[in-house]
Amino acid sequence: MSYSIFKDTMSDMSWTEIQCSIDKGAIVLLPTGVIEQQGPHLPTGSDIYVSHLICRKIKDQLQKDNIECLIAPPFYWGINAITGAFPGSFTSRKETVKNVLFDIFECLTRWGVKHVFIVDIHGDPMHGEALYEGIMAGRESLGIDIRSVISHWIAEDLGIHPENENFLIYTVEMSLEDFPAPKEYLDIHAGEGSTAQMVKFFPELVNVDLARQLEPANLNHDDLKKWHQGGEIARNITPLGYFGAPADFEKEDVDHLNLVDAISKFATIRLKEYLKR
């Protein structure tokens, strides 16, 4: 089986099909992310594979309610300040990310698109800043409604006000019983959670045998603070590139706690509310 990040996007459509969809009032979902190392067992394209998958799931759910939707070609030339010391972690300058995003927004505006929603799962703070500044520039200069779709968890963690016009914040309606007990060590990057999700949705891209052999990183919050400094410091803390316990992926109950489906479901609910306001 092959996996294409162009599947169900504008890249697989003719220009006339795109124009017809825009004429019907289509919103645009823009999957963003990065190409970065994800340990020795996962592909470097994991982030963009997942953000693209979430957009496809959102589009499918919106279309069931007759909401016209297009998915833009994924944008994956982001910033990897934390993992940039590893081969495979492509990183761009902030101004490059902002400018290319602005060019994308300008094209969509010129074609008649009114609403653009960014779906991003990459956690690098500098990457997030570039997206935010690109969104603000597009809104201010082009007059188009551009928002980053984020969960209430992220909004609360970053202190983002619910009425901030640069974001569309959705609530993940899950109880504490839905989550496993807190772990002594952190699962931050390419650990058990990410590995389990990739095995579920993109099994042929995961080196499962290798994942089972990897020792847990056993890193805590103090280690995380140092890791966030990035570069060689981050590489020294996680020499194989993962921050978690990849070998424990089979202990993760992905069918019960499927974050990809949860994000898609609750983001869709919020999008429907917003578009019908």
Protein backbone atom coordinates (compact mmCIF):
# COMPACT_ATOMS: atom_id res chain seq x y z
CA MET A 1 0.00 0.00 0.00
CA SER A 2 1.23 3.50 -0.78
CA TYR A 3 0.44 6.72 1.05
CA SER A 4 0.17 10.01 -0.81
CA ILE A 5 -0.08 13.37 0.95
CA PHE A 6 -1.72 14.64 -2.24
CA LYS A 7 -4.68 12.23 -1.97
CA ASP A 8 -7.99 14.13 -1.90
CA THR A 9 -6.21 17.48 -2.19
CA MET A 10 -6.19 20.13 -4.93
CA SER A 11 -3.12 18.40 -6.33
CA ASP A 12 -5.30 15.56 -7.63
CA MET A 13 -7.93 17.90 -9.12
CA SER A 14 -8.15 19.88 -12.35
CA TRP A 15 -8.31 23.65 -12.16
CA THR A 16 -11.92 23.58 -13.34
CA GLU A 17 -12.88 21.21 -10.52
CA ILE A 18 -11.19 23.52 -8.05
CA GLN A 19 -12.96 26.57 -9.45
CA CYS A 20 -16.32 24.80 -9.38
CA SER A 21 -15.83 23.95 -5.69
CA ILE A 22 -14.82 27.52 -4.85
CA ASP A 23 -17.88 28.83 -6.71
CA LYS A 24 -19.98 26.67 -4.36
CA GLY A 25 -18.40 28.44 -1.36
CA ALA A 26 -15.73 25.90 -0.47
CA ILE A 27 -13.64 26.41 2.61
CA VAL A 28 -9.98 25.35 2.40
CA LEU A 29 -8.15 23.14 4.86
CA LEU A 30 -4.37 23.59 4.82
CA PRO A 31 -2.38 20.70 6.34
CA THR A 32 0.91 22.00 7.71
CA GLY A 33 3.80 20.37 9.51
CA VAL A 34 7.45 19.55 8.96
CA ILE A 35 9.79 16.88 7.74
CA GLU A 36 11.85 15.96 10.79
CA GLN A 37 13.51 13.02 12.43
CA GLN A 38 11.13 10.81 14.40
CA GLY A 39 13.56 8.34 15.90
CA PRO A 40 15.09 5.42 14.00
CA HIS A 41 11.76 3.60 13.60
CA LEU A 42 9.40 6.22 12.13
CA PRO A 43 9.51 8.14 8.83
CA THR A 44 10.58 11.78 8.83
CA GLY A 45 7.27 12.70 7.20
CA SER A 46 5.15 11.50 10.14
CA ASP A 47 3.81 14.95 11.08
CA ILE A 48 2.60 15.86 7.62
CA TYR A 49 1.14 12.39 7.03
CA VAL A 50 -0.97 12.81 10.16
CA SER A 51 -2.06 16.43 9.57
CA HIS A 52 -3.05 15.48 6.01
CA LEU A 53 -5.01 12.48 7.33
CA ILE A 54 -6.85 14.69 9.84
CA CYS A 55 -7.81 17.09 7.04
CA ARG A 56 -9.14 14.21 4.94
CA LYS A 57 -11.24 12.99 7.86
CA ILE A 58 -12.58 16.50 8.51
CA LYS A 59 -13.42 16.93 4.82
CA ASP A 60 -15.30 13.62 4.76
CA GLN A 61 -17.38 14.64 7.77
CA LEU A 62 -18.11 18.13 6.44
CA GLN A 63 -19.24 16.78 3.08
CA LYS A 64 -21.80 14.58 4.84
CA ASP A 65 -23.45 17.86 5.88
CA ASN A 66 -23.11 19.26 2.36
CA ILE A 67 -20.37 21.71 3.37
CA GLU A 68 -18.11 22.28 0.39
CA CYS A 69 -14.46 21.73 1.30
CA LEU A 70 -11.08 21.67 -0.44
CA ILE A 71 -7.74 20.50 0.94
CA ALA A 72 -4.75 22.54 -0.19
CA PRO A 73 -1.48 20.78 -1.03
CA PRO A 74 0.28 20.14 2.31
CA PHE A 75 2.85 22.71 3.44
CA TYR A 76 5.80 21.01 5.11
CA TRP A 77 8.74 23.41 4.94
CA GLY A 78 8.45 24.49 8.57
CA ILE A 79 10.84 25.15 11.44
CA ASN A 80 12.70 22.46 13.39
CA ALA A 81 14.59 24.44 16.00
CA ILE A 82 14.50 21.54 18.47
CA THR A 83 15.38 18.61 16.21
CA GLY A 84 17.41 20.56 13.65
CA ALA A 85 20.71 18.87 14.57
CA PHE A 86 19.49 15.55 13.12
CA PRO A 87 19.79 14.62 9.44
CA GLY A 88 16.33 14.59 7.89
CA SER A 89 15.07 17.50 10.01
CA PHE A 90 14.67 20.15 7.32
CA THR A 91 14.24 23.61 8.76
CA SER A 92 13.41 26.94 7.17
CA ARG A 93 13.89 30.53 8.31
CA LYS A 94 10.92 32.14 9.98
CA GLU A 95 10.63 34.76 7.24
CA THR A 96 10.61 32.00 4.61
CA VAL A 97 7.76 30.16 6.32
CA LYS A 98 5.78 33.38 6.76
CA ASN A 99 6.34 34.52 3.18
CA VAL A 100 5.43 31.21 1.57
CA LEU A 101 2.30 30.97 3.73
CA PHE A 102 1.37 34.51 2.70
CA ASP A 103 1.82 33.58 -0.96
CA ILE A 104 -0.49 30.58 -0.46
CA PHE A 105 -3.09 32.80 1.20
CA GLU A 106 -2.77 35.37 -1.59
CA CYS A 107 -3.43 32.75 -4.24
CA LEU A 108 -6.47 31.40 -2.41
CA THR A 109 -7.83 34.93 -1.94
CA ARG A 110 -7.37 35.72 -5.63
CA TRP A 111 -9.29 32.59 -6.57
CA GLY A 112 -12.25 33.58 -4.40
CA VAL A 113 -11.73 31.55 -1.20
CA LYS A 114 -13.20 33.18 1.91
CA HIS A 115 -12.12 30.84 4.72
CA VAL A 116 -8.82 29.00 5.29
CA PHE A 117 -8.24 26.69 8.24
CA ILE A 118 -4.76 25.45 9.12
CA VAL A 119 -4.34 22.01 10.67
CA ASP A 120 -0.91 21.55 12.24
CA ILE A 121 0.41 19.00 14.77
CA HIS A 122 4.06 20.09 15.00
CA GLY A 123 4.95 21.30 18.49
CA ASP A 124 8.09 23.37 17.91
CA PRO A 125 7.43 26.85 19.45
CA MET A 126 9.32 28.70 16.70
CA HIS A 127 7.26 26.91 14.07
CA GLY A 128 4.09 27.94 15.88
CA GLU A 129 5.23 31.57 15.98
CA ALA A 130 5.88 31.55 12.23
CA LEU A 131 2.41 30.16 11.53
CA TYR A 132 0.84 32.75 13.82
CA GLU A 133 2.66 35.65 12.20
CA GLY A 134 1.84 34.33 8.73
CA ILE A 135 -1.84 34.10 9.63
CA MET A 136 -1.89 37.63 11.03
CA ALA A 137 -0.17 39.01 7.92
CA GLY A 138 -2.67 37.26 5.64
CA ARG A 139 -5.69 38.45 7.59
CA GLU A 140 -4.47 42.05 7.80
CA SER A 141 -3.27 42.44 4.21
CA LEU A 142 -5.68 40.22 2.28
CA GLY A 143 -8.89 40.49 4.28
CA ILE A 144 -9.41 36.72 4.21
CA ASP A 145 -10.54 34.68 7.20
CA ILE A 146 -7.54 32.52 8.17
CA ARG A 147 -7.44 30.55 11.40
CA SER A 148 -5.34 27.85 12.99
CA VAL A 149 -7.55 25.02 14.28
CA ILE A 150 -6.39 24.04 17.78
CA SER A 151 -7.73 22.18 20.79
CA HIS A 152 -8.77 23.88 24.03
CA TRP A 153 -5.86 22.06 25.70
CA ILE A 154 -3.33 23.86 23.50
CA ALA A 155 -5.18 27.18 23.78
CA GLU A 156 -5.17 26.99 27.57
CA ASP A 157 -1.52 25.91 27.68
CA LEU A 158 -0.46 28.86 25.50
CA GLY A 159 -2.82 31.36 27.12
CA ILE A 160 -4.77 31.97 23.90
CA HIS A 161 -8.06 33.79 24.47
CA PRO A 162 -11.13 31.96 23.08
CA GLU A 163 -12.04 35.04 21.03
CA ASN A 164 -8.63 35.38 19.35
CA GLU A 165 -9.55 35.76 15.67
CA ASN A 166 -6.40 33.96 14.51
CA PHE A 167 -7.60 30.65 15.95
CA LEU A 168 -10.58 28.35 15.83
CA ILE A 169 -10.57 26.55 19.17
CA TYR A 170 -12.41 23.27 19.56
CA THR A 171 -13.22 21.44 22.79
CA VAL A 172 -12.19 17.81 23.10
CA GLU A 173 -15.04 16.27 25.07
CA MET A 174 -13.29 13.42 26.81
CA SER A 175 -13.36 12.59 30.50
CA LEU A 176 -10.38 11.77 32.70
CA GLU A 177 -11.49 8.13 32.60
CA ASP A 178 -10.66 8.10 28.90
CA PHE A 179 -6.99 8.63 29.64
CA PRO A 180 -4.48 6.21 31.15
CA ALA A 181 -2.88 6.97 34.50
CA PRO A 182 -0.03 9.51 34.38
CA LYS A 183 3.36 8.02 33.57
CA GLU A 184 6.54 8.60 35.53
CA TYR A 185 8.39 9.50 32.35
CA LEU A 186 7.27 11.65 29.45
CA ASP A 187 6.07 10.61 25.99
CA ILE A 188 6.87 13.70 23.91
CA HIS A 189 8.34 12.79 20.53
CA ALA A 190 8.33 9.53 18.53
CA GLY A 191 7.49 7.59 21.69
CA GLU A 192 4.77 5.07 22.42
CA GLY A 193 1.82 7.29 21.50
CA SER A 194 3.13 8.49 18.15
CA THR A 195 4.40 5.04 17.26
CA ALA A 196 1.04 3.45 18.05
CA GLN A 197 -0.83 6.00 15.93
CA MET A 198 1.52 5.51 12.99
CA VAL A 199 1.20 1.73 13.24
CA LYS A 200 -2.58 2.10 13.14
CA PHE A 201 -2.80 4.42 10.14
CA PHE A 202 0.49 3.95 8.25
CA PRO A 203 1.77 0.48 9.22
CA GLU A 204 4.06 0.01 6.24
CA LEU A 205 6.02 3.13 7.18
CA VAL A 206 6.94 1.89 10.67
CA ASN A 207 9.89 -0.35 11.46
CA VAL A 208 7.95 -2.32 14.06
CA ASP A 209 10.74 -4.80 14.82
CA LEU A 210 13.15 -1.98 15.57
CA ALA A 211 10.57 -0.11 17.68
CA ARG A 212 10.18 -3.17 19.91
CA GLN A 213 13.94 -3.16 20.58
CA LEU A 214 14.31 0.49 21.59
CA GLU A 215 15.02 1.23 25.24
CA PRO A 216 12.79 3.82 26.93
CA ALA A 217 14.28 7.29 27.11
CA ASN A 218 13.08 7.73 30.73
CA LEU A 219 13.17 11.53 30.56
CA ASN A 220 11.32 13.95 32.85
CA HIS A 221 10.18 17.58 32.82
CA ASP A 222 13.65 18.90 33.66
CA ASP A 223 15.04 17.00 30.68
CA LEU A 224 12.24 18.43 28.53
CA LYS A 225 13.24 22.00 29.41
CA LYS A 226 16.80 21.30 28.31
CA TRP A 227 15.61 19.43 25.20
CA HIS A 228 13.61 22.47 24.13
CA GLN A 229 16.89 24.37 23.74
CA GLY A 230 17.31 22.34 20.57
CA GLY A 231 20.34 21.74 18.39
CA GLU A 232 23.15 19.60 19.75
CA ILE A 233 21.76 19.90 23.28
CA ALA A 234 18.57 18.15 22.19
CA ARG A 235 20.53 15.57 20.21
CA ASN A 236 22.70 14.76 23.24
CA ILE A 237 19.61 14.26 25.41
CA THR A 238 17.88 12.07 22.81
CA PRO A 239 20.75 10.60 20.74
CA LEU A 240 18.40 8.29 18.81
CA GLY A 241 15.82 11.04 18.36
CA TYR A 242 12.90 9.77 20.44
CA PHE A 243 11.57 11.17 23.72
CA GLY A 244 9.44 8.38 25.18
CA ALA A 245 9.20 4.59 25.04
CA PRO A 246 8.58 3.42 21.46
CA ALA A 247 8.69 -0.27 22.48
CA ASP A 248 5.54 0.27 24.56
CA PHE A 249 3.45 1.17 21.50
CA GLU A 250 1.55 -2.13 21.71
CA LYS A 251 0.38 -1.19 25.23
CA GLU A 252 -1.36 1.89 23.85
CA ASP A 253 -5.10 1.37 23.37
CA VAL A 254 -5.36 3.36 20.15
CA ASP A 255 -8.85 2.11 19.39
CA HIS A 256 -10.01 3.54 22.73
CA LEU A 257 -7.92 6.72 22.73
CA ASN A 258 -7.52 7.59 19.06
CA LEU A 259 -6.33 11.19 19.02
CA VAL A 260 -6.44 11.44 15.22
CA ASP A 261 -10.13 10.56 15.15
CA ALA A 262 -10.83 12.67 18.24
CA ILE A 263 -9.19 15.74 16.71
CA SER A 264 -11.07 15.19 13.45
CA LYS A 265 -14.40 14.72 15.19
CA PHE A 266 -14.31 17.68 17.56
CA ALA A 267 -12.61 20.02 15.06
CA THR A 268 -15.41 19.23 12.59
CA ILE A 269 -18.07 19.99 15.19
CA ARG A 270 -16.47 23.38 15.87
CA LEU A 271 -16.08 24.13 12.15
CA LYS A 272 -19.76 23.43 11.54
CA GLU A 273 -20.73 25.75 14.41
CA TYR A 274 -18.44 28.49 13.14
CA LEU A 275 -19.56 28.30 9.51
CA LYS A 276 -23.25 28.33 10.42
CA ARG A 277 -22.97 31.38 12.70
